[in-house]
PDB file of N, CA and C in Angstrom:
ATOM      1  N   MET A   1     104.158 113.104  26.635  1.00  0.00           N
ATOM      2  CA  MET A   1     104.993 113.417  25.359  1.00  0.00           C
ATOM      3  C   MET A   1     105.685 112.004  25.052  1.00  0.00           C
ATOM      4  N   ILE A   2     106.075 111.314  25.859  1.00  0.00           N
ATOM      5  CA  ILE A   2     106.768 109.995  25.568  1.00  0.00           C
ATOM      6  C   ILE A   2     105.738 108.929  25.032  1.00  0.00           C
ATOM      7  N   LYS A   3     104.583 109.058  25.636  1.00  0.00           N
ATOM      8  CA  LYS A   3     103.457 108.144  25.269  1.00  0.00           C
ATOM      9  C   LYS A   3     102.976 108.585  23.813  1.00  0.00           C
ATOM     10  N   ALA A   4     102.905 109.847  23.515  1.00  0.00           N
ATOM     11  CA  ALA A   4     102.555 110.157  22.207  1.00  0.00           C
ATOM     12  C   ALA A   4     103.785 109.890  21.184  1.00  0.00           C
ATOM     13  N   ARG A   5     104.748 109.969  21.577  1.00  0.00           N
ATOM     14  CA  ARG A   5     106.015 109.535  20.716  1.00  0.00           C
ATOM     15  C   ARG A   5     106.017 108.071  20.358  1.00  0.00           C
ATOM     16  N   GLN A   6     105.654 107.214  21.324  1.00  0.00           N
ATOM     17  CA  GLN A   6     105.633 105.828  21.029  1.00  0.00           C
ATOM     18  C   GLN A   6     104.803 105.415  20.015  1.00  0.00           C
ATOM     19  N   GLU A   7     103.742 106.141  19.653  1.00  0.00           N
ATOM     20  CA  GLU A   7     102.858 105.827  18.539  1.00  0.00           C
ATOM     21  C   GLU A   7     103.516 106.174  17.251  1.00  0.00           C
ATOM     22  N   GLN A   8     104.210 107.319  17.274  1.00  0.00           N
ATOM     23  CA  GLN A   8     104.884 107.641  16.001  1.00  0.00           C
ATOM     24  C   GLN A   8     106.037 106.870  15.740  1.00  0.00           C
ATOM     25  N   GLY A   9     106.775 106.339  16.487  1.00  0.00           N
ATOM     26  CA  GLY A   9     108.033 105.532  16.329  1.00  0.00           C
ATOM     27  C   GLY A   9     109.178 106.512  16.062  1.00  0.00           C
ATOM     28  N   GLY A  10     110.249 105.883  15.837  1.00  0.00           N
ATOM     29  CA  GLY A  10     111.540 106.652  15.672  1.00  0.00           C
ATOM     30  C   GLY A  10     112.676 105.740  15.594  1.00  0.00           C
ATOM     31  N   VAL A  11     113.817 106.279  15.419  1.00  0.00           N
ATOM     32  CA  VAL A  11     115.019 105.624  15.205  1.00  0.00           C
ATOM     33  C   VAL A  11     116.269 106.228  16.032  1.00  0.00           C
ATOM     34  N   ILE A  12     116.940 105.326  16.772  1.00  0.00           N
ATOM     35  CA  ILE A  12     118.228 105.964  17.387  1.00  0.00           C
ATOM     36  C   ILE A  12     119.377 105.150  16.815  1.00  0.00           C
ATOM     37  N   VAL A  13     120.342 105.911  16.256  1.00  0.00           N
ATOM     38  CA  VAL A  13     121.605 105.308  15.810  1.00  0.00           C
ATOM     39  C   VAL A  13     122.595 105.676  16.638  1.00  0.00           C
ATOM     40  N   ASN A  14     123.336 104.705  17.114  1.00  0.00           N
ATOM     41  CA  ASN A  14     124.580 104.868  17.884  1.00  0.00           C
ATOM     42  C   ASN A  14     125.723 104.380  17.084  1.00  0.00           C
ATOM     43  N   ILE A  15     126.799 105.055  17.185  1.00  0.00           N
ATOM     44  CA  ILE A  15     128.013 104.799  16.420  1.00  0.00           C
ATOM     45  C   ILE A  15     129.207 104.581  17.456  1.00  0.00           C
ATOM     46  N   GLY A  16     129.676 103.184  17.329  1.00  0.00           N
ATOM     47  CA  GLY A  16     130.677 102.599  18.252  1.00  0.00           C
ATOM     48  C   GLY A  16     131.950 102.680  17.537  1.00  0.00           C
ATOM     49  N   SER A  17     132.830 101.764  18.003  1.00  0.00           N
ATOM     50  CA  SER A  17     134.150 101.675  17.280  1.00  0.00           C
ATOM     51  C   SER A  17     134.816 100.337  17.723  1.00  0.00           C
ATOM     52  N   ILE A  18     135.549  99.702  16.819  1.00  0.00           N
ATOM     53  CA  ILE A  18     136.232  98.640  17.051  1.00  0.00           C
ATOM     54  C   ILE A  18     137.271  98.772  18.228  1.00  0.00           C
ATOM     55  N   GLU A  19     137.546  99.966  18.552  1.00  0.00           N
ATOM     56  CA  GLU A  19     138.518 100.392  19.662  1.00  0.00           C
ATOM     57  C   GLU A  19     137.876  99.823  20.885  1.00  0.00           C
ATOM     58  N   ALA A  20     136.594  99.770  21.019  1.00  0.00           N
ATOM     59  CA  ALA A  20     135.926  99.448  22.255  1.00  0.00           C
ATOM     60  C   ALA A  20     136.075  97.967  22.596  1.00  0.00           C
ATOM     61  N   ILE A  21     136.049  97.198  21.462  1.00  0.00           N
ATOM     62  CA  ILE A  21     136.254  95.823  21.718  1.00  0.00           C
ATOM     63  C   ILE A  21     137.673  95.318  21.633  1.00  0.00           C
ATOM     64  N   LEU A  22     138.486  95.904  20.740  1.00  0.00           N
ATOM     65  CA  LEU A  22     139.910  95.536  20.580  1.00  0.00           C
ATOM     66  C   LEU A  22     140.746  96.732  20.600  1.00  0.00           C
ATOM     67  N   PRO A  23     141.022  97.406  21.843  1.00  0.00           N
ATOM     68  CA  PRO A  23     141.959  98.441  21.916  1.00  0.00           C
ATOM     69  C   PRO A  23     143.400  98.198  21.212  1.00  0.00           C
ATOM     70  N   PHE A  24     143.701  99.152  20.405  1.00  0.00           N
ATOM     71  CA  PHE A  24     145.060  99.017  19.841  1.00  0.00           C
ATOM     72  C   PHE A  24     146.079 100.168  19.896  1.00  0.00           C
ATOM     73  N   LYS A  25     145.602 101.219  20.435  1.00  0.00           N
ATOM     74  CA  LYS A  25     146.392 102.289  20.813  1.00  0.00           C
ATOM     75  C   LYS A  25     146.439 102.634  22.329  1.00  0.00           C
ATOM     76  N   GLU A  26     147.628 102.981  22.790  1.00  0.00           N
ATOM     77  CA  GLU A  26     147.763 103.435  24.157  1.00  0.00           C
ATOM     78  C   GLU A  26     147.381 104.728  24.426  1.00  0.00           C
ATOM     79  N   GLY A  27     146.975 105.143  25.520  1.00  0.00           N
ATOM     80  CA  GLY A  27     146.660 106.452  25.925  1.00  0.00           C
ATOM     81  C   GLY A  27     145.246 106.772  25.457  1.00  0.00           C
ATOM     82  N   LEU A  28     144.355 105.834  25.071  1.00  0.00           N
ATOM     83  CA  LEU A  28     142.940 106.241  24.702  1.00  0.00           C
ATOM     84  C   LEU A  28     142.018 105.653  25.550  1.00  0.00           C
ATOM     85  N   ALA A  29     142.241 105.428  26.835  1.00  0.00           N
ATOM     86  CA  ALA A  29     141.336 105.037  27.802  1.00  0.00           C
ATOM     87  C   ALA A  29     140.031 105.627  27.794  1.00  0.00           C
ATOM     88  N   HIS A  30     140.116 106.922  27.715  1.00  0.00           N
ATOM     89  CA  HIS A  30     138.860 107.744  27.943  1.00  0.00           C
ATOM     90  C   HIS A  30     138.073 107.355  26.517  1.00  0.00           C
ATOM     91  N   TYR A  31     138.589 107.363  25.462  1.00  0.00           N
ATOM     92  CA  TYR A  31     137.914 107.067  24.211  1.00  0.00           C
ATOM     93  C   TYR A  31     137.325 105.600  24.122  1.00  0.00           C
ATOM     94  N   THR A  32     138.171 104.669  24.571  1.00  0.00           N
ATOM     95  CA  THR A  32     137.745 103.189  24.621  1.00  0.00           C
ATOM     96  C   THR A  32     136.692 103.058  25.513  1.00  0.00           C
ATOM     97  N   THR A  33     136.614 103.611  26.626  1.00  0.00           N
ATOM     98  CA  THR A  33     135.579 103.387  27.715  1.00  0.00           C
ATOM     99  C   THR A  33     134.274 104.087  27.148  1.00  0.00           C
ATOM    100  N   SER A  34     134.350 105.190  26.573  1.00  0.00           N
ATOM    101  CA  SER A  34     133.068 105.985  26.257  1.00  0.00           C
ATOM    102  C   SER A  34     132.423 105.113  24.979  1.00  0.00           C
ATOM    103  N   LYS A  35     133.335 104.650  24.063  1.00  0.00           N
ATOM    104  CA  LYS A  35     132.741 103.760  23.098  1.00  0.00           C
ATOM    105  C   LYS A  35     132.126 102.364  23.612  1.00  0.00           C
ATOM    106  N   ALA A  36     132.824 101.817  24.428  1.00  0.00           N
ATOM    107  CA  ALA A  36     132.260 100.580  25.074  1.00  0.00           C
ATOM    108  C   ALA A  36     130.921 101.003  25.790  1.00  0.00           C
ATOM    109  N   GLY A  37     130.907 102.259  26.334  1.00  0.00           N
ATOM    110  CA  GLY A  37     129.474 102.627  27.012  1.00  0.00           C
ATOM    111  C   GLY A  37     128.338 102.689  26.049  1.00  0.00           C
ATOM    112  N   VAL A  38     128.706 103.253  24.778  1.00  0.00           N
ATOM    113  CA  VAL A  38     127.692 103.414  23.757  1.00  0.00           C
ATOM    114  C   VAL A  38     127.310 101.940  23.258  1.00  0.00           C
ATOM    115  N   ILE A  39     128.209 100.986  23.185  1.00  0.00           N
ATOM    116  CA  ILE A  39     127.870  99.760  22.774  1.00  0.00           C
ATOM    117  C   ILE A  39     126.915  98.989  23.832  1.00  0.00           C
ATOM    118  N   ALA A  40     127.339  99.185  25.266  1.00  0.00           N
ATOM    119  CA  ALA A  40     126.592  98.688  26.273  1.00  0.00           C
ATOM    120  C   ALA A  40     125.145  99.371  26.387  1.00  0.00           C
ATOM    121  N   LEU A  41     125.099 100.524  26.144  1.00  0.00           N
ATOM    122  CA  LEU A  41     123.719 101.275  26.125  1.00  0.00           C
ATOM    123  C   LEU A  41     122.834 100.687  24.992  1.00  0.00           C
ATOM    124  N   THR A  42     123.495 100.640  23.743  1.00  0.00           N
ATOM    125  CA  THR A  42     122.714 100.062  22.672  1.00  0.00           C
ATOM    126  C   THR A  42     122.229  98.728  22.864  1.00  0.00           C
ATOM    127  N   ARG A  43     123.089  97.855  23.295  1.00  0.00           N
ATOM    128  CA  ARG A  43     122.562  96.373  23.611  1.00  0.00           C
ATOM    129  C   ARG A  43     121.508  96.364  24.714  1.00  0.00           C
ATOM    130  N   ASP A  44     121.506  97.206  25.746  1.00  0.00           N
ATOM    131  CA  ASP A  44     120.488  97.307  26.724  1.00  0.00           C
ATOM    132  C   ASP A  44     119.283  97.788  26.211  1.00  0.00           C
ATOM    133  N   LEU A  45     119.250  98.864  25.328  1.00  0.00           N
ATOM    134  CA  LEU A  45     117.933  99.454  24.721  1.00  0.00           C
ATOM    135  C   LEU A  45     117.397  98.338  23.759  1.00  0.00           C
ATOM    136  N   ALA A  46     118.310  97.657  23.052  1.00  0.00           N
ATOM    137  CA  ALA A  46     117.648  96.514  22.367  1.00  0.00           C
ATOM    138  C   ALA A  46     116.951  95.385  23.008  1.00  0.00           C
ATOM    139  N   ARG A  47     117.645  95.079  24.142  1.00  0.00           N
ATOM    140  CA  ARG A  47     116.916  94.119  24.913  1.00  0.00           C
ATOM    141  C   ARG A  47     115.713  94.575  25.559  1.00  0.00           C
ATOM    142  N   SER A  48     115.788  95.851  26.093  1.00  0.00           N
ATOM    143  CA  SER A  48     114.468  96.369  26.517  1.00  0.00           C
ATOM    144  C   SER A  48     113.501  96.647  25.734  1.00  0.00           C
ATOM    145  N   THR A  49     113.775  96.865  24.465  1.00  0.00           N
ATOM    146  CA  THR A  49     112.739  97.166  23.363  1.00  0.00           C
ATOM    147  C   THR A  49     112.264  95.778  22.795  1.00  0.00           C
ATOM    148  N   ALA A  50     113.119  94.673  22.800  1.00  0.00           N
ATOM    149  CA  ALA A  50     112.702  93.599  22.315  1.00  0.00           C
ATOM    150  C   ALA A  50     111.662  92.978  23.318  1.00  0.00           C
ATOM    151  N   ARG A  51     111.688  93.192  24.432  1.00  0.00           N
ATOM    152  CA  ARG A  51     110.559  92.551  25.303  1.00  0.00           C
ATOM    153  C   ARG A  51     109.304  93.350  25.120  1.00  0.00           C
ATOM    154  N   GLY A  52     109.245  94.585  24.688  1.00  0.00           N
ATOM    155  CA  GLY A  52     107.863  95.275  24.463  1.00  0.00           C
ATOM    156  C   GLY A  52     107.622  94.977  23.016  1.00  0.00           C
ATOM    157  N   SER A  53     106.813  96.076  22.596  1.00  0.00           N
ATOM    158  CA  SER A  53     106.205  95.879  21.035  1.00  0.00           C
ATOM    159  C   SER A  53     107.025  96.515  20.101  1.00  0.00           C
ATOM    160  N   GLY A  54     108.097  97.332  20.454  1.00  0.00           N
ATOM    161  CA  GLY A  54     108.871  98.149  19.563  1.00  0.00           C
ATOM    162  C   GLY A  54     109.732  97.195  18.705  1.00  0.00           C
ATOM    163  N   SER A  55     110.520  97.885  17.879  1.00  0.00           N
ATOM    164  CA  SER A  55     111.601  97.087  17.015  1.00  0.00           C
ATOM    165  C   SER A  55     112.796  97.792  17.249  1.00  0.00           C
ATOM    166  N   MET A  56     113.858  96.938  17.056  1.00  0.00           N
ATOM    167  CA  MET A  56     115.297  97.494  17.265  1.00  0.00           C
ATOM    168  C   MET A  56     116.173  96.661  16.366  1.00  0.00           C
ATOM    169  N   SER A  57     117.065  97.333  15.500  1.00  0.00           N
ATOM    170  CA  SER A  57     117.905  96.713  14.790  1.00  0.00           C
ATOM    171  C   SER A  57     119.277  97.283  14.884  1.00  0.00           C
TER     172      SER A  57
END
């Protein structure tokens, strides 16, 4: 299934928050951490895809 899907292409859209980079409210550690995780995942996927033949923006 994954191999067939690679030929069709696709798009993944991750939505982060400035809160992950510059926390400004107290008591939102869970929110800040989850948004930072989304940003880290997106960057890692971009690096992994850039090494292959896919595209990532």
